[in-house]
Amino acid sequence: MATPVLPRLHSRSEDLQPVQRRIAEVILADPLGAGRLTIDQLAAAAACAQSSVVNFARELGFTGYREFRAELAEEAVRATAREGEHAFPTDIDPTDPLATSVARIAAADARAVRDTVRLLDLAVLEESARALSSSRRILLVGVGASGLAATDLQYKLTRLGFSAQALTSAHDALPAVTALGDQDCLLAISDSGRTTDVLDAVEIAARSGARTIAITGSPVGPLARSCEFVLLTASREPSFRAGATSSRIAQLTIADCLLVAISATLPDAGAEALARTRAALEGRRR
C-alpha cells in the first residue's frame, strides 16, 4: 500500500526545517491548486529557492519535484472527486454557520480514520500484536487526550484476558514503568510525539529491556525514534479545536486494529475470555 502524500506531509510538517515547513504550508493550504504549480511557482509562493523545493520532495521520499507533483495532483483530484468541498477540511471558524462547522468536523474525523488506515504498516501492526500478546504485563501510557485512547485500549485488552494498565499522568506512569522487565511491554501514545511524560516513561522502559510500541502522528519525532515499533496516525488538529476528536479517533482506530491483530494470535481469537467477561457483566445490564 503506497503511503499517501498528504497524510505523510501532515505527519511530518512539525518536524520540517523552517524553509520546508513554508513549502508544506503552501501545499496544505490548497492541495488541488498546489498540484498545478511549477517548481518556480511553488518556490515563489514559499519564498524559497527552487533547490529547496527539490530537497523538500526528496525529504518525503520522492526522486524529485516532478514525481512529487504528479503524486500530489493525482491524490488531490481523487479526493476532490470523492468528497467534494470537504475533501480538505479547513479550520473551524466560530463565526461560520453551525451546519458548516458540523460538516467540517465530520469530514475531518472521517478523513483521520481513512488516512490512518492508509498509513498503517501491516507488518509493524502484526509485530506489535505479537509483542503485546506475548507480554507478561502491558502498560499503556498517554497524557491528556491520548490518555483516553490508552484507557480504551486497557479496557479491550483486559476483556481479552491480558494484564493491562492505563497510566495517564507522570506520577502514576513513571513509578510503574520502573517495575517493567524484558517480559513486559510499554505502549506509548502521543499525537505530537513530544510529550515529555510519555518520552520519560519510554526511556525508563527501554532501559529495563521492555518492548516499546508507539502510537503517534509524528514519524520522525522523539517518540517514534525511541520505540521499537511505530504505528502512525493521520490527523490534523485545527487551531480552534484543542484536543480535537480527529486525533483521538485516529488513535482509537489503531487500537481497534491492534485488537483484531492480537485476537488473531490467540487460539480461539479471544472468544473464551470475552465470554467470561461478558458473563461477569451480564447481570448488571438493565
Protein backbone atom coordinates (compact mmCIF):
# COMPACT_ATOMS: atom_id res chain seq x y z
CA MET A 1 0.00 0.00 0.00
CA ALA A 2 1.61 3.27 -1.11
CA THR A 3 1.78 5.93 1.58
CA PRO A 4 -0.43 8.86 0.52
CA VAL A 5 1.24 12.24 0.07
CA LEU A 6 -1.00 14.49 2.16
CA PRO A 7 -1.19 12.33 5.32
CA ARG A 8 2.58 11.91 5.09
CA LEU A 9 3.00 15.67 4.77
CA HIS A 10 0.65 16.40 7.68
CA SER A 11 2.52 13.99 9.91
CA ARG A 12 5.92 15.44 9.01
CA SER A 13 5.03 19.17 8.98
CA GLU A 14 6.00 19.90 12.59
CA ASP A 15 9.39 18.22 12.15
CA LEU A 16 10.43 20.03 8.98
CA GLN A 17 13.01 22.78 8.83
CA PRO A 18 11.59 26.34 8.58
CA VAL A 19 12.01 26.62 4.79
CA GLN A 20 10.50 23.19 4.19
CA ARG A 21 7.66 23.99 6.58
CA ARG A 22 6.77 27.05 4.48
CA ILE A 23 6.59 24.85 1.40
CA ALA A 24 4.37 22.39 3.28
CA GLU A 25 2.06 25.18 4.43
CA VAL A 26 1.58 26.39 0.84
CA ILE A 27 0.71 22.86 -0.29
CA LEU A 28 -1.59 22.02 2.61
CA ALA A 29 -3.45 25.32 2.29
CA ASP A 30 -4.62 24.32 -1.22
CA PRO A 31 -3.54 20.80 -2.26
CA LEU A 32 -5.52 20.88 -5.50
CA GLY A 33 -4.00 24.21 -6.58
CA ALA A 34 -0.52 23.22 -5.40
CA GLY A 35 -0.64 20.16 -7.65
CA ARG A 36 -0.75 22.52 -10.65
CA LEU A 37 2.22 24.69 -9.63
CA THR A 38 5.54 24.56 -11.45
CA ILE A 39 8.65 24.34 -9.31
CA ASP A 40 9.39 28.06 -9.71
CA GLN A 41 5.79 28.98 -8.81
CA LEU A 42 5.87 26.88 -5.64
CA ALA A 43 9.29 28.29 -4.72
CA ALA A 44 7.96 31.84 -5.17
CA ALA A 45 4.86 31.11 -3.08
CA ALA A 46 7.00 29.72 -0.28
CA ALA A 47 9.66 32.44 -0.61
CA CYS A 48 12.47 29.95 -1.13
CA ALA A 49 14.90 28.68 -3.76
CA GLN A 50 13.93 26.02 -6.29
CA SER A 51 16.62 23.79 -4.81
CA SER A 52 14.73 23.90 -1.50
CA VAL A 53 11.63 22.55 -3.25
CA VAL A 54 13.67 19.70 -4.74
CA ASN A 55 15.16 18.90 -1.32
CA PHE A 56 11.67 19.04 0.18
CA ALA A 57 10.39 16.44 -2.30
CA ARG A 58 13.37 14.19 -1.65
CA GLU A 59 12.87 14.53 2.12
CA LEU A 60 9.44 13.00 1.61
CA GLY A 61 10.88 10.07 -0.33
CA PHE A 62 10.44 11.22 -3.92
CA THR A 63 13.15 11.33 -6.59
CA GLY A 64 12.40 14.99 -7.24
CA TYR A 65 9.72 17.63 -7.58
CA ARG A 66 8.23 16.19 -10.79
CA GLU A 67 7.40 12.86 -9.14
CA PHE A 68 6.10 14.60 -6.02
CA ARG A 69 3.89 16.98 -8.02
CA ALA A 70 2.39 14.15 -10.10
CA GLU A 71 1.53 12.15 -6.99
CA LEU A 72 0.11 15.20 -5.20
CA ALA A 73 -2.03 16.21 -8.17
CA GLU A 74 -3.43 12.70 -8.62
CA GLU A 75 -4.25 12.36 -4.92
CA ALA A 76 -5.87 15.80 -4.73
CA VAL A 77 -8.04 15.17 -7.79
CA ARG A 78 -9.18 11.78 -6.45
CA ALA A 79 -10.06 13.29 -3.06
CA THR A 80 -11.97 16.16 -4.62
CA ALA A 81 -13.95 13.84 -6.89
CA ARG A 82 -14.80 11.60 -3.94
CA GLU A 83 -15.53 14.19 -1.24
CA GLY A 84 -16.21 17.47 -3.00
CA GLU A 85 -15.82 20.64 -0.93
CA HIS A 86 -14.97 18.64 2.19
CA ALA A 87 -12.01 16.85 0.62
CA PHE A 88 -9.60 19.08 2.52
CA PRO A 89 -11.27 20.19 5.77
CA THR A 90 -10.27 23.65 6.95
CA ASP A 91 -10.06 25.02 10.47
CA ILE A 92 -13.30 25.59 12.31
CA ASP A 93 -14.31 29.25 12.36
CA PRO A 94 -16.68 30.07 15.26
CA THR A 95 -18.35 32.70 13.09
CA ASP A 96 -19.36 30.12 10.45
CA PRO A 97 -22.94 28.77 10.37
CA LEU A 98 -23.31 25.77 12.69
CA ALA A 99 -24.15 23.47 9.79
CA THR A 100 -20.84 24.37 8.11
CA SER A 101 -18.85 23.69 11.28
CA VAL A 102 -20.57 20.34 11.84
CA ALA A 103 -19.87 19.28 8.25
CA ARG A 104 -16.20 20.24 8.59
CA ILE A 105 -15.86 18.29 11.84
CA ALA A 106 -17.43 15.21 10.28
CA ALA A 107 -15.18 15.47 7.22
CA ALA A 108 -12.03 15.89 9.33
CA ASP A 109 -12.88 12.92 11.56
CA ALA A 110 -13.73 10.67 8.61
CA ARG A 111 -10.51 11.65 6.86
CA ALA A 112 -8.49 10.90 10.01
CA VAL A 113 -9.78 7.32 10.05
CA ARG A 114 -9.37 6.79 6.31
CA ASP A 115 -5.85 8.23 6.15
CA THR A 116 -4.72 6.41 9.30
CA VAL A 117 -5.67 3.10 7.72
CA ARG A 118 -3.84 4.07 4.53
CA LEU A 119 -0.71 4.88 6.56
CA LEU A 120 -0.87 1.66 8.55
CA ASP A 121 2.10 -0.68 8.09
CA LEU A 122 0.53 -4.14 8.41
CA ALA A 123 3.87 -5.83 9.11
CA VAL A 124 4.53 -3.49 12.05
CA LEU A 125 0.94 -3.99 13.22
CA GLU A 126 1.43 -7.77 13.29
CA GLU A 127 4.78 -7.47 15.09
CA SER A 128 3.27 -5.11 17.66
CA ALA A 129 0.37 -7.51 18.22
CA ARG A 130 2.77 -10.39 18.79
CA ALA A 131 4.80 -8.31 21.26
CA LEU A 132 1.67 -7.42 23.22
CA SER A 133 0.14 -10.89 23.17
CA SER A 134 3.36 -12.48 24.48
CA SER A 135 3.86 -9.95 27.28
CA ARG A 136 3.51 -10.78 30.95
CA ARG A 137 2.36 -7.23 31.70
CA ILE A 138 1.30 -4.33 29.47
CA LEU A 139 1.46 -0.67 30.44
CA LEU A 140 -0.33 1.92 28.30
CA VAL A 141 0.85 5.49 28.73
CA GLY A 142 -0.92 8.56 27.36
CA VAL A 143 -1.42 12.07 28.72
CA GLY A 144 -4.37 14.38 28.11
CA ALA A 145 -6.49 13.38 25.11
CA SER A 146 -4.12 10.48 24.40
CA GLY A 147 -4.95 9.14 27.85
CA LEU A 148 -8.47 8.43 26.63
CA ALA A 149 -7.10 6.12 23.93
CA ALA A 150 -4.86 4.41 26.49
CA THR A 151 -7.83 3.81 28.79
CA ASP A 152 -9.94 2.45 25.92
CA LEU A 153 -7.18 0.04 24.92
CA GLN A 154 -6.74 -1.09 28.53
CA TYR A 155 -10.42 -1.99 28.71
CA LYS A 156 -10.26 -4.01 25.48
CA LEU A 157 -7.07 -5.84 26.39
CA THR A 158 -8.46 -6.71 29.82
CA ARG A 159 -11.57 -8.16 28.18
CA LEU A 160 -9.25 -10.46 26.22
CA GLY A 161 -7.60 -11.65 29.44
CA PHE A 162 -4.39 -9.61 29.36
CA SER A 163 -2.81 -7.84 32.33
CA ALA A 164 -3.01 -4.26 31.07
CA GLN A 165 -2.96 -0.92 32.89
CA ALA A 166 -3.51 2.58 31.51
CA LEU A 167 -1.49 5.36 33.12
CA THR A 168 -2.38 8.96 32.30
CA SER A 169 -0.03 11.04 34.44
CA ALA A 170 3.69 11.05 35.15
CA HIS A 171 3.08 10.48 38.87
CA ASP A 172 1.36 7.19 38.01
CA ALA A 173 3.35 6.17 34.96
CA LEU A 174 6.98 6.64 35.94
CA PRO A 175 6.94 4.55 39.16
CA ALA A 176 5.01 1.78 37.38
CA VAL A 177 7.36 1.70 34.41
CA THR A 178 10.38 1.16 36.67
CA ALA A 179 8.96 -2.29 37.54
CA LEU A 180 8.89 -3.48 33.91
CA GLY A 181 11.24 -6.18 32.69
CA ASP A 182 12.14 -7.94 29.48
CA GLN A 183 8.89 -9.94 29.51
CA ASP A 184 6.77 -6.79 29.57
CA CYS A 185 5.62 -4.19 27.05
CA LEU A 186 5.03 -0.45 27.13
CA LEU A 187 2.67 1.11 24.58
CA ALA A 188 3.07 4.89 24.46
CA ILE A 189 0.52 7.21 22.86
CA SER A 190 1.24 10.81 21.84
CA ASP A 191 -0.12 12.60 18.79
CA SER A 192 2.77 15.08 18.71
CA GLY A 193 5.37 12.50 19.69
CA ARG A 194 6.91 15.07 22.02
CA THR A 195 5.00 14.69 25.29
CA THR A 196 7.70 14.78 27.97
CA ASP A 197 5.96 12.45 30.44
CA VAL A 198 5.48 9.83 27.74
CA LEU A 199 9.07 10.13 26.49
CA ASP A 200 10.40 9.71 30.04
CA ALA A 201 8.32 6.56 30.50
CA VAL A 202 9.65 5.10 27.23
CA GLU A 203 13.24 5.84 28.21
CA ILE A 204 12.83 4.00 31.52
CA ALA A 205 11.06 1.06 29.87
CA ALA A 206 13.73 0.70 27.18
CA ARG A 207 16.49 0.65 29.81
CA SER A 208 14.67 -2.18 31.60
CA GLY A 209 14.55 -4.27 28.42
CA ALA A 210 10.77 -3.98 27.92
CA ARG A 211 9.34 -3.92 24.38
CA THR A 212 8.17 -0.47 23.34
CA ILE A 213 5.40 0.47 20.91
CA ALA A 214 4.41 3.99 19.84
CA ILE A 215 1.10 5.27 18.52
CA THR A 216 1.92 8.72 17.20
CA GLY A 217 1.22 11.21 14.45
CA SER A 218 4.89 12.11 14.01
CA PRO A 219 7.01 9.52 12.16
CA VAL A 220 10.31 11.29 12.89
CA GLY A 221 9.52 12.77 16.31
CA PRO A 222 11.31 11.79 19.54
CA LEU A 223 8.72 9.14 20.44
CA ALA A 224 8.98 7.36 17.09
CA ARG A 225 12.77 7.43 17.30
CA SER A 226 12.69 5.94 20.82
CA CYS A 227 10.32 3.00 20.28
CA GLU A 228 10.89 -0.41 18.73
CA PHE A 229 7.58 -0.41 16.83
CA VAL A 230 5.79 2.68 15.47
CA LEU A 231 2.13 2.82 14.42
CA LEU A 232 1.31 6.10 12.69
CA THR A 233 -1.91 8.06 12.94
CA ALA A 234 -3.05 10.64 10.40
CA SER A 235 -4.95 13.62 11.71
CA ARG A 236 -4.68 17.38 11.69
CA GLU A 237 -5.55 19.33 14.83
CA PRO A 238 -7.40 22.53 13.84
CA SER A 239 -6.31 25.52 15.91
CA PHE A 240 -9.86 26.21 17.14
CA ARG A 241 -10.37 22.66 18.41
CA ALA A 242 -7.78 21.99 21.09
CA GLY A 243 -7.66 18.23 21.67
CA ALA A 244 -9.88 17.74 18.64
CA THR A 245 -11.73 14.49 18.08
CA SER A 246 -9.84 13.60 14.89
CA SER A 247 -6.59 12.73 16.67
CA ARG A 248 -8.42 10.60 19.25
CA ILE A 249 -10.42 8.82 16.54
CA ALA A 250 -7.19 8.09 14.68
CA GLN A 251 -5.66 6.64 17.87
CA LEU A 252 -8.78 4.57 18.57
CA THR A 253 -8.66 3.27 15.00
CA ILE A 254 -5.13 1.99 15.61
CA ALA A 255 -6.29 0.48 18.92
CA ASP A 256 -9.09 -1.42 17.18
CA CYS A 257 -6.72 -2.67 14.50
CA LEU A 258 -4.32 -3.84 17.21
CA LEU A 259 -7.10 -5.73 18.98
CA VAL A 260 -8.03 -7.55 15.77
CA ALA A 261 -4.38 -8.43 15.16
CA ILE A 262 -3.93 -9.60 18.76
CA SER A 263 -7.07 -11.72 18.60
CA ALA A 264 -5.64 -13.47 15.57
CA THR A 265 -2.70 -14.63 17.71
CA LEU A 266 -4.98 -16.30 20.29
CA PRO A 267 -6.08 -19.96 19.94
CA ASP A 268 -9.79 -19.14 19.91
CA ALA A 269 -9.47 -15.49 18.81
CA GLY A 270 -10.13 -14.49 22.43
CA ALA A 271 -13.68 -15.82 22.32
CA GLU A 272 -13.38 -17.67 25.65
CA ALA A 273 -12.02 -14.64 27.51
CA LEU A 274 -14.68 -12.39 26.01
CA ALA A 275 -17.40 -14.86 27.01
CA ARG A 276 -16.16 -14.91 30.61
CA THR A 277 -16.05 -11.13 30.92
CA ARG A 278 -19.44 -10.80 29.22
CA ALA A 279 -20.94 -13.29 31.67
CA ALA A 280 -19.46 -11.39 34.62
CA LEU A 281 -21.19 -8.21 33.50
CA GLU A 282 -24.45 -9.70 32.23
CA GLY A 283 -26.39 -9.32 35.44
CA ARG A 284 -25.55 -5.59 35.65
CA ARG A 285 -27.03 -4.68 32.29
CA ARG A 286 -30.55 -3.50 32.92
